[in-house]
PDB file of N, CA and C in Angstrom:
ATOM      1  N   UNK A   1      28.666   8.504  40.360  1.00  0.00           N
ATOM      2  CA  UNK A   1      29.388   7.719  39.391  1.00  0.00           C
ATOM      3  C   UNK A   1      28.478   7.307  38.224  1.00  0.00           C
ATOM      4  N   UNK A   2      27.250   6.929  38.528  1.00  0.00           N
ATOM      5  CA  UNK A   2      26.315   6.534  37.477  1.00  0.00           C
ATOM      6  C   UNK A   2      26.055   7.710  36.538  1.00  0.00           C
ATOM      7  N   UNK A   3      25.910   8.904  37.090  1.00  0.00           N
ATOM      8  CA  UNK A   3      25.665  10.083  36.252  1.00  0.00           C
ATOM      9  C   UNK A   3      26.839  10.342  35.314  1.00  0.00           C
ATOM     10  N   UNK A   4      28.041  10.189  35.804  1.00  0.00           N
ATOM     11  CA  UNK A   4      29.223  10.380  34.956  1.00  0.00           C
ATOM     12  C   UNK A   4      29.235   9.369  33.828  1.00  0.00           C
ATOM     13  N   UNK A   5      28.920   8.127  34.150  1.00  0.00           N
ATOM     14  CA  UNK A   5      28.893   7.089  33.128  1.00  0.00           C
ATOM     15  C   UNK A   5      27.810   7.380  32.085  1.00  0.00           C
ATOM     16  N   UNK A   6      26.635   7.808  32.554  1.00  0.00           N
ATOM     17  CA  UNK A   6      25.562   8.136  31.616  1.00  0.00           C
ATOM     18  C   UNK A   6      25.964   9.277  30.690  1.00  0.00           C
ATOM     19  N   UNK A   7      26.609  10.307  31.231  1.00  0.00           N
ATOM     20  CA  UNK A   7      27.078  11.406  30.379  1.00  0.00           C
ATOM     21  C   UNK A   7      28.070  10.888  29.346  1.00  0.00           C
ATOM     22  N   UNK A   8      28.965  10.003  29.768  1.00  0.00           N
ATOM     23  CA  UNK A   8      29.969   9.443  28.866  1.00  0.00           C
ATOM     24  C   UNK A   8      29.323   8.675  27.718  1.00  0.00           C
ATOM     25  N   UNK A   9      28.338   7.835  28.018  1.00  0.00           N
ATOM     26  CA  UNK A   9      27.775   6.998  26.964  1.00  0.00           C
ATOM     27  C   UNK A   9      26.838   7.762  26.042  1.00  0.00           C
ATOM     28  N   UNK A  10      26.237   8.840  26.538  1.00  0.00           N
ATOM     29  CA  UNK A  10      25.260   9.557  25.726  1.00  0.00           C
ATOM     30  C   UNK A  10      25.840  10.738  24.970  1.00  0.00           C
ATOM     31  N   UNK A  11      26.977  11.242  25.406  1.00  0.00           N
ATOM     32  CA  UNK A  11      27.533  12.459  24.836  1.00  0.00           C
ATOM     33  C   UNK A  11      28.701  12.136  23.901  1.00  0.00           C
ATOM     34  N   UNK A  12      28.536  12.361  22.600  1.00  0.00           N
ATOM     35  CA  UNK A  12      29.636  12.093  21.694  1.00  0.00           C
ATOM     36  C   UNK A  12      30.794  13.055  21.933  1.00  0.00           C
ATOM     37  N   UNK A  13      31.989  12.564  21.733  1.00  0.00           N
ATOM     38  CA  UNK A  13      33.166  13.415  21.894  1.00  0.00           C
ATOM     39  C   UNK A  13      33.918  13.491  20.570  1.00  0.00           C
ATOM     40  N   UNK A  14      34.585  14.591  20.346  1.00  0.00           N
ATOM     41  CA  UNK A  14      35.385  14.797  19.131  1.00  0.00           C
ATOM     42  C   UNK A  14      34.574  14.600  17.847  1.00  0.00           C
ATOM     43  N   UNK A  15      33.304  14.923  17.889  1.00  0.00           N
ATOM     44  CA  UNK A  15      32.478  14.822  16.693  1.00  0.00           C
ATOM     45  C   UNK A  15      32.113  13.398  16.314  1.00  0.00           C
ATOM     46  N   UNK A  16      32.491  12.434  17.142  1.00  0.00           N
ATOM     47  CA  UNK A  16      32.177  11.037  16.871  1.00  0.00           C
ATOM     48  C   UNK A  16      30.795  10.709  17.448  1.00  0.00           C
ATOM     49  N   UNK A  17      30.268   9.549  17.052  1.00  0.00           N
ATOM     50  CA  UNK A  17      29.000   9.126  17.650  1.00  0.00           C
ATOM     51  C   UNK A  17      29.266   8.680  19.083  1.00  0.00           C
ATOM     52  N   UNK A  18      28.257   8.765  19.918  1.00  0.00           N
ATOM     53  CA  UNK A  18      28.393   8.354  21.310  1.00  0.00           C
ATOM     54  C   UNK A  18      28.411   6.839  21.448  1.00  0.00           C
ATOM     55  N   UNK A  19      28.802   6.382  22.614  1.00  0.00           N
ATOM     56  CA  UNK A  19      28.886   4.950  22.882  1.00  0.00           C
ATOM     57  C   UNK A  19      27.530   4.273  22.721  1.00  0.00           C
ATOM     58  N   UNK A  20      26.468   4.889  23.223  1.00  0.00           N
ATOM     59  CA  UNK A  20      25.136   4.308  23.090  1.00  0.00           C
ATOM     60  C   UNK A  20      24.803   4.068  21.624  1.00  0.00           C
ATOM     61  N   UNK A  21      25.008   5.085  20.801  1.00  0.00           N
ATOM     62  CA  UNK A  21      24.694   4.957  19.371  1.00  0.00           C
ATOM     63  C   UNK A  21      25.595   3.924  18.713  1.00  0.00           C
ATOM     64  N   UNK A  22      26.837   3.880  19.102  1.00  0.00           N
ATOM     65  CA  UNK A  22      27.756   2.885  18.545  1.00  0.00           C
ATOM     66  C   UNK A  22      27.285   1.468  18.901  1.00  0.00           C
ATOM     67  N   UNK A  23      26.882   1.274  20.144  1.00  0.00           N
ATOM     68  CA  UNK A  23      26.381  -0.039  20.558  1.00  0.00           C
ATOM     69  C   UNK A  23      25.083  -0.383  19.834  1.00  0.00           C
ATOM     70  N   UNK A  24      24.192   0.594  19.703  1.00  0.00           N
ATOM     71  CA  UNK A  24      22.922   0.358  18.994  1.00  0.00           C
ATOM     72  C   UNK A  24      23.168  -0.058  17.552  1.00  0.00           C
ATOM     73  N   UNK A  25      24.101   0.625  16.905  1.00  0.00           N
ATOM     74  CA  UNK A  25      24.434   0.281  15.519  1.00  0.00           C
ATOM     75  C   UNK A  25      25.025  -1.118  15.416  1.00  0.00           C
ATOM     76  N   UNK A  26      25.821  -1.506  16.404  1.00  0.00           N
ATOM     77  CA  UNK A  26      26.382  -2.858  16.403  1.00  0.00           C
ATOM     78  C   UNK A  26      25.302  -3.919  16.499  1.00  0.00           C
ATOM     79  N   UNK A  27      24.335  -3.705  17.374  1.00  0.00           N
ATOM     80  CA  UNK A  27      23.214  -4.637  17.500  1.00  0.00           C
ATOM     81  C   UNK A  27      22.398  -4.642  16.220  1.00  0.00           C
ATOM     82  N   UNK A  28      22.223  -3.474  15.630  1.00  0.00           N
ATOM     83  CA  UNK A  28      21.473  -3.387  14.375  1.00  0.00           C
ATOM     84  C   UNK A  28      22.181  -4.171  13.266  1.00  0.00           C
ATOM     85  N   UNK A  29      23.503  -4.050  13.196  1.00  0.00           N
ATOM     86  CA  UNK A  29      24.264  -4.815  12.185  1.00  0.00           C
ATOM     87  C   UNK A  29      24.124  -6.318  12.422  1.00  0.00           C
ATOM     88  N   UNK A  30      24.155  -6.719  13.677  1.00  0.00           N
ATOM     89  CA  UNK A  30      23.985  -8.130  14.004  1.00  0.00           C
ATOM     90  C   UNK A  30      22.624  -8.633  13.538  1.00  0.00           C
ATOM     91  N   UNK A  31      21.580  -7.897  13.864  1.00  0.00           N
ATOM     92  CA  UNK A  31      20.232  -8.285  13.447  1.00  0.00           C
ATOM     93  C   UNK A  31      20.101  -8.292  11.926  1.00  0.00           C
ATOM     94  N   UNK A  32      20.664  -7.286  11.269  1.00  0.00           N
ATOM     95  CA  UNK A  32      20.589  -7.236   9.814  1.00  0.00           C
ATOM     96  C   UNK A  32      21.322  -8.425   9.200  1.00  0.00           C
ATOM     97  N   UNK A  33      22.417  -8.834   9.824  1.00  0.00           N
ATOM     98  CA  UNK A  33      23.126 -10.029   9.355  1.00  0.00           C
ATOM     99  C   UNK A  33      22.250 -11.268   9.449  1.00  0.00           C
ATOM    100  N   UNK A  34      21.462 -11.360  10.509  1.00  0.00           N
ATOM    101  CA  UNK A  34      20.539 -12.487  10.635  1.00  0.00           C
ATOM    102  C   UNK A  34      19.458 -12.448   9.559  1.00  0.00           C
ATOM    103  N   UNK A  35      19.015 -11.252   9.198  1.00  0.00           N
ATOM    104  CA  UNK A  35      18.062 -11.108   8.097  1.00  0.00           C
ATOM    105  C   UNK A  35      18.738 -11.509   6.789  1.00  0.00           C
ATOM    106  N   UNK A  36      19.938 -10.993   6.549  1.00  0.00           N
ATOM    107  CA  UNK A  36      20.658 -11.278   5.308  1.00  0.00           C
ATOM    108  C   UNK A  36      20.950 -12.764   5.138  1.00  0.00           C
ATOM    109  N   UNK A  37      21.156 -13.459   6.254  1.00  0.00           N
ATOM    110  CA  UNK A  37      21.435 -14.897   6.203  1.00  0.00           C
ATOM    111  C   UNK A  37      20.170 -15.738   6.392  1.00  0.00           C
ATOM    112  N   UNK A  38      19.034 -15.075   6.253  1.00  0.00           N
ATOM    113  CA  UNK A  38      17.716 -15.711   6.282  1.00  0.00           C
ATOM    114  C   UNK A  38      17.449 -16.498   7.567  1.00  0.00           C
ATOM    115  N   UNK A  39      17.934 -15.963   8.685  1.00  0.00           N
ATOM    116  CA  UNK A  39      17.604 -16.522   9.998  1.00  0.00           C
ATOM    117  C   UNK A  39      16.422 -15.763  10.589  1.00  0.00           C
ATOM    118  N   UNK A  40      16.296 -14.478  10.193  1.00  0.00           N
ATOM    119  CA  UNK A  40      15.135 -13.660  10.524  1.00  0.00           C
ATOM    120  C   UNK A  40      14.489 -13.231   9.217  1.00  0.00           C
ATOM    121  N   UNK A  41      13.179 -13.023   9.248  1.00  0.00           N
ATOM    122  CA  UNK A  41      12.458 -12.645   8.036  1.00  0.00           C
ATOM    123  C   UNK A  41      12.818 -11.226   7.588  1.00  0.00           C
ATOM    124  N   UNK A  42      12.551 -10.953   6.328  1.00  0.00           N
ATOM    125  CA  UNK A  42      12.813  -9.623   5.774  1.00  0.00           C
ATOM    126  C   UNK A  42      11.926  -8.558   6.428  1.00  0.00           C
ATOM    127  N   UNK A  43      10.825  -8.964   7.027  1.00  0.00           N
ATOM    128  CA  UNK A  43       9.910  -8.005   7.677  1.00  0.00           C
ATOM    129  C   UNK A  43      10.329  -7.666   9.112  1.00  0.00           C
ATOM    130  N   UNK A  44      11.434  -8.192   9.568  1.00  0.00           N
ATOM    131  CA  UNK A  44      11.907  -7.913  10.926  1.00  0.00           C
ATOM    132  C   UNK A  44      12.172  -6.416  11.090  1.00  0.00           C
ATOM    133  N   UNK A  45      11.593  -5.784  12.104  1.00  0.00           N
ATOM    134  CA  UNK A  45      11.857  -4.364  12.339  1.00  0.00           C
ATOM    135  C   UNK A  45      13.220  -4.185  13.035  1.00  0.00           C
ATOM    136  N   UNK A  46      14.260  -4.306  12.235  1.00  0.00           N
ATOM    137  CA  UNK A  46      15.631  -4.348  12.738  1.00  0.00           C
ATOM    138  C   UNK A  46      15.966  -3.135  13.609  1.00  0.00           C
ATOM    139  N   UNK A  47      15.693  -1.940  13.122  1.00  0.00           N
ATOM    140  CA  UNK A  47      16.046  -0.733  13.874  1.00  0.00           C
ATOM    141  C   UNK A  47      15.289  -0.661  15.198  1.00  0.00           C
ATOM    142  N   UNK A  48      14.023  -1.012  15.184  1.00  0.00           N
ATOM    143  CA  UNK A  48      13.212  -0.972  16.402  1.00  0.00           C
ATOM    144  C   UNK A  48      13.718  -1.970  17.431  1.00  0.00           C
ATOM    145  N   UNK A  49      13.987  -3.180  16.998  1.00  0.00           N
ATOM    146  CA  UNK A  49      14.483  -4.198  17.924  1.00  0.00           C
ATOM    147  C   UNK A  49      15.867  -3.817  18.437  1.00  0.00           C
ATOM    148  N   UNK A  50      16.716  -3.266  17.582  1.00  0.00           N
ATOM    149  CA  UNK A  50      18.043  -2.818  18.027  1.00  0.00           C
ATOM    150  C   UNK A  50      17.909  -1.739  19.102  1.00  0.00           C
ATOM    151  N   UNK A  51      16.989  -0.812  18.912  1.00  0.00           N
ATOM    152  CA  UNK A  51      16.750   0.226  19.923  1.00  0.00           C
ATOM    153  C   UNK A  51      16.296  -0.392  21.245  1.00  0.00           C
ATOM    154  N   UNK A  52      15.327  -1.292  21.172  1.00  0.00           N
ATOM    155  CA  UNK A  52      14.805  -1.915  22.388  1.00  0.00           C
ATOM    156  C   UNK A  52      15.886  -2.701  23.122  1.00  0.00           C
ATOM    157  N   UNK A  53      16.694  -3.452  22.394  1.00  0.00           N
ATOM    158  CA  UNK A  53      17.743  -4.249  23.030  1.00  0.00           C
ATOM    159  C   UNK A  53      18.813  -3.362  23.659  1.00  0.00           C
ATOM    160  N   UNK A  54      19.158  -2.288  22.992  1.00  0.00           N
ATOM    161  CA  UNK A  54      20.167  -1.380  23.535  1.00  0.00           C
ATOM    162  C   UNK A  54      19.652  -0.698  24.802  1.00  0.00           C
ATOM    163  N   UNK A  55      18.420  -0.254  24.782  1.00  0.00           N
ATOM    164  CA  UNK A  55      17.826   0.377  25.965  1.00  0.00           C
ATOM    165  C   UNK A  55      17.780  -0.621  27.120  1.00  0.00           C
ATOM    166  N   UNK A  56      17.393  -1.848  26.846  1.00  0.00           N
ATOM    167  CA  UNK A  56      17.342  -2.867  27.904  1.00  0.00           C
ATOM    168  C   UNK A  56      18.731  -3.122  28.476  1.00  0.00           C
ATOM    169  N   UNK A  57      19.711  -3.263  27.619  1.00  0.00           N
ATOM    170  CA  UNK A  57      21.083  -3.495  28.073  1.00  0.00           C
ATOM    171  C   UNK A  57      21.576  -2.350  28.948  1.00  0.00           C
ATOM    172  N   UNK A  58      21.349  -1.131  28.513  1.00  0.00           N
ATOM    173  CA  UNK A  58      21.788   0.016  29.300  1.00  0.00           C
ATOM    174  C   UNK A  58      21.001   0.144  30.598  1.00  0.00           C
ATOM    175  N   UNK A  59      19.731  -0.237  30.575  1.00  0.00           N
ATOM    176  CA  UNK A  59      18.947  -0.246  31.803  1.00  0.00           C
ATOM    177  C   UNK A  59      19.507  -1.232  32.814  1.00  0.00           C
ATOM    178  N   UNK A  60      19.933  -2.388  32.344  1.00  0.00           N
ATOM    179  CA  UNK A  60      20.559  -3.374  33.225  1.00  0.00           C
ATOM    180  C   UNK A  60      21.823  -2.792  33.843  1.00  0.00           C
ATOM    181  N   UNK A  61      22.604  -2.084  33.043  1.00  0.00           N
ATOM    182  CA  UNK A  61      23.838  -1.490  33.559  1.00  0.00           C
ATOM    183  C   UNK A  61      23.567  -0.370  34.555  1.00  0.00           C
ATOM    184  N   UNK A  62      22.547   0.430  34.299  1.00  0.00           N
ATOM    185  CA  UNK A  62      22.181   1.491  35.245  1.00  0.00           C
ATOM    186  C   UNK A  62      21.711   0.861  36.558  1.00  0.00           C
ATOM    187  N   UNK A  63      20.886  -0.177  36.471  1.00  0.00           N
ATOM    188  CA  UNK A  63      20.419  -0.850  37.685  1.00  0.00           C
ATOM    189  C   UNK A  63      21.593  -1.385  38.494  1.00  0.00           C
ATOM    190  N   UNK A  64      22.583  -1.914  37.832  1.00  0.00           N
ATOM    191  CA  UNK A  64      23.772  -2.420  38.508  1.00  0.00           C
ATOM    192  C   UNK A  64      24.522  -1.269  39.180  1.00  0.00           C
ATOM    193  N   UNK A  65      24.536  -0.105  38.526  1.00  0.00           N
ATOM    194  CA  UNK A  65      25.223   1.054  39.087  1.00  0.00           C
ATOM    195  C   UNK A  65      24.594   1.574  40.363  1.00  0.00           C
ATOM    196  N   UNK A  66      23.298   1.394  40.516  1.00  0.00           N
ATOM    197  CA  UNK A  66      22.623   1.884  41.715  1.00  0.00           C
ATOM    198  C   UNK A  66      22.349   0.776  42.726  1.00  0.00           C
ATOM    199  N   UNK A  67      22.531  -0.467  42.317  1.00  0.00           N
ATOM    200  CA  UNK A  67      22.311  -1.613  43.211  1.00  0.00           C
ATOM    201  C   UNK A  67      23.397  -2.640  42.929  1.00  0.00           C
ATOM    202  N   UNK A  68      24.506  -2.524  43.663  1.00  0.00           N
ATOM    203  CA  UNK A  68      25.646  -3.390  43.356  1.00  0.00           C
ATOM    204  C   UNK A  68      25.400  -4.851  43.712  1.00  0.00           C
ATOM    205  N   UNK A  69      24.258  -5.151  44.322  1.00  0.00           N
ATOM    206  CA  UNK A  69      23.888  -6.539  44.579  1.00  0.00           C
ATOM    207  C   UNK A  69      23.279  -7.194  43.341  1.00  0.00           C
ATOM    208  N   UNK A  70      22.854  -6.370  42.398  1.00  0.00           N
ATOM    209  CA  UNK A  70      22.221  -6.886  41.185  1.00  0.00           C
ATOM    210  C   UNK A  70      23.305  -7.359  40.227  1.00  0.00           C
ATOM    211  N   UNK A  71      23.220  -8.597  39.826  1.00  0.00           N
ATOM    212  CA  UNK A  71      24.188  -9.147  38.888  1.00  0.00           C
ATOM    213  C   UNK A  71      23.762  -8.816  37.460  1.00  0.00           C
ATOM    214  N   UNK A  72      24.554  -8.021  36.731  1.00  0.00           N
ATOM    215  CA  UNK A  72      24.162  -7.716  35.353  1.00  0.00           C
ATOM    216  C   UNK A  72      24.123  -8.967  34.487  1.00  0.00           C
ATOM    217  N   UNK A  73      25.008  -9.914  34.751  1.00  0.00           N
ATOM    218  CA  UNK A  73      25.003 -11.150  33.965  1.00  0.00           C
ATOM    219  C   UNK A  73      23.699 -11.919  34.157  1.00  0.00           C
ATOM    220  N   UNK A  74      23.258 -12.023  35.415  1.00  0.00           N
ATOM    221  CA  UNK A  74      22.014 -12.747  35.685  1.00  0.00           C
ATOM    222  C   UNK A  74      20.811 -12.014  35.118  1.00  0.00           C
ATOM    223  N   UNK A  75      20.798 -10.696  35.254  1.00  0.00           N
ATOM    224  CA  UNK A  75      19.674  -9.926  34.700  1.00  0.00           C
ATOM    225  C   UNK A  75      19.613 -10.059  33.183  1.00  0.00           C
ATOM    226  N   UNK A  76      20.758 -10.091  32.532  1.00  0.00           N
ATOM    227  CA  UNK A  76      20.782 -10.260  31.079  1.00  0.00           C
ATOM    228  C   UNK A  76      20.300 -11.659  30.704  1.00  0.00           C
ATOM    229  N   UNK A  77      20.740 -12.669  31.444  1.00  0.00           N
ATOM    230  CA  UNK A  77      20.256 -14.036  31.195  1.00  0.00           C
ATOM    231  C   UNK A  77      18.739 -14.111  31.385  1.00  0.00           C
ATOM    232  N   UNK A  78      18.257 -13.496  32.461  1.00  0.00           N
ATOM    233  CA  UNK A  78      16.812 -13.495  32.714  1.00  0.00           C
ATOM    234  C   UNK A  78      16.062 -12.830  31.564  1.00  0.00           C
ATOM    235  N   UNK A  79      16.578 -11.702  31.093  1.00  0.00           N
ATOM    236  CA  UNK A  79      15.931 -11.000  29.991  1.00  0.00           C
ATOM    237  C   UNK A  79      15.893 -11.887  28.744  1.00  0.00           C
ATOM    238  N   UNK A  80      17.011 -12.507  28.441  1.00  0.00           N
ATOM    239  CA  UNK A  80      17.063 -13.372  27.258  1.00  0.00           C
ATOM    240  C   UNK A  80      16.103 -14.550  27.405  1.00  0.00           C
ATOM    241  N   UNK A  81      16.044 -15.147  28.603  1.00  0.00           N
ATOM    242  CA  UNK A  81      15.164 -16.291  28.836  1.00  0.00           C
ATOM    243  C   UNK A  81      13.690 -15.922  28.745  1.00  0.00           C
ATOM    244  N   UNK A  82      13.340 -14.747  29.249  1.00  0.00           N
ATOM    245  CA  UNK A  82      11.930 -14.385  29.360  1.00  0.00           C
ATOM    246  C   UNK A  82      11.420 -13.568  28.173  1.00  0.00           C
ATOM    247  N   UNK A  83      12.190 -12.595  27.710  1.00  0.00           N
ATOM    248  CA  UNK A  83      11.663 -11.623  26.748  1.00  0.00           C
ATOM    249  C   UNK A  83      12.226 -11.726  25.332  1.00  0.00           C
ATOM    250  N   UNK A  84      13.488 -12.029  25.192  1.00  0.00           N
ATOM    251  CA  UNK A  84      14.117 -11.967  23.866  1.00  0.00           C
ATOM    252  C   UNK A  84      13.484 -12.939  22.880  1.00  0.00           C
ATOM    253  N   UNK A  85      13.256 -14.163  23.318  1.00  0.00           N
ATOM    254  CA  UNK A  85      12.637 -15.150  22.432  1.00  0.00           C
ATOM    255  C   UNK A  85      11.265 -14.715  21.953  1.00  0.00           C
ATOM    256  N   UNK A  86      10.474 -14.160  22.868  1.00  0.00           N
ATOM    257  CA  UNK A  86       9.141 -13.676  22.493  1.00  0.00           C
ATOM    258  C   UNK A  86       9.207 -12.536  21.492  1.00  0.00           C
ATOM    259  N   UNK A  87      10.203 -11.672  21.664  1.00  0.00           N
ATOM    260  CA  UNK A  87      10.336 -10.533  20.764  1.00  0.00           C
ATOM    261  C   UNK A  87      10.723 -10.993  19.349  1.00  0.00           C
ATOM    262  N   UNK A  88      11.591 -11.982  19.272  1.00  0.00           N
ATOM    263  CA  UNK A  88      12.091 -12.410  17.964  1.00  0.00           C
ATOM    264  C   UNK A  88      11.246 -13.503  17.315  1.00  0.00           C
ATOM    265  N   UNK A  89      10.431 -14.207  18.091  1.00  0.00           N
ATOM    266  CA  UNK A  89       9.663 -15.348  17.585  1.00  0.00           C
ATOM    267  C   UNK A  89       8.869 -15.064  16.313  1.00  0.00           C
ATOM    268  N   UNK A  90       8.177 -13.933  16.211  1.00  0.00           N
ATOM    269  CA  UNK A  90       7.397 -13.700  14.986  1.00  0.00           C
ATOM    270  C   UNK A  90       8.255 -13.544  13.729  1.00  0.00           C
ATOM    271  N   UNK A  91       9.549 -13.336  13.907  1.00  0.00           N
ATOM    272  CA  UNK A  91      10.414 -13.044  12.765  1.00  0.00           C
ATOM    273  C   UNK A  91      11.389 -14.170  12.446  1.00  0.00           C
ATOM    274  N   UNK A  92      11.357 -15.236  13.234  1.00  0.00           N
ATOM    275  CA  UNK A  92      12.269 -16.354  12.976  1.00  0.00           C
ATOM    276  C   UNK A  92      11.857 -17.076  11.696  1.00  0.00           C
ATOM    277  N   UNK A  93      12.833 -17.395  10.874  1.00  0.00           N
ATOM    278  CA  UNK A  93      12.564 -18.182   9.663  1.00  0.00           C
ATOM    279  C   UNK A  93      12.417 -19.621  10.093  1.00  0.00           C
ATOM    280  N   UNK A  94      11.352 -20.211   9.667  1.00  0.00           N
ATOM    281  CA  UNK A  94      11.063 -21.582  10.097  1.00  0.00           C
ATOM    282  C   UNK A  94      11.577 -22.596   9.114  1.00  0.00           C
TER     283      UNK A  94
END
């Protein structure tokens, strides 16, 4: 089942972008909005951070697919508590 889901998210259909790329672009737009509204600095590596966040999110989902005891909600909260703040801290507008 996990393999089918991975094929679905990575493989574009009907000439459209795949789900992974669509999600990555959404995160990138969100981050760019924070830059545009001066919540993050102009030097924020928006594309890089969007890639990292998307990979982390999909990794959480894959882990859930192979270990149904793992709560994706808790893993996402843990990631945000431990890593997200550190990643964004250098770019926060003070």
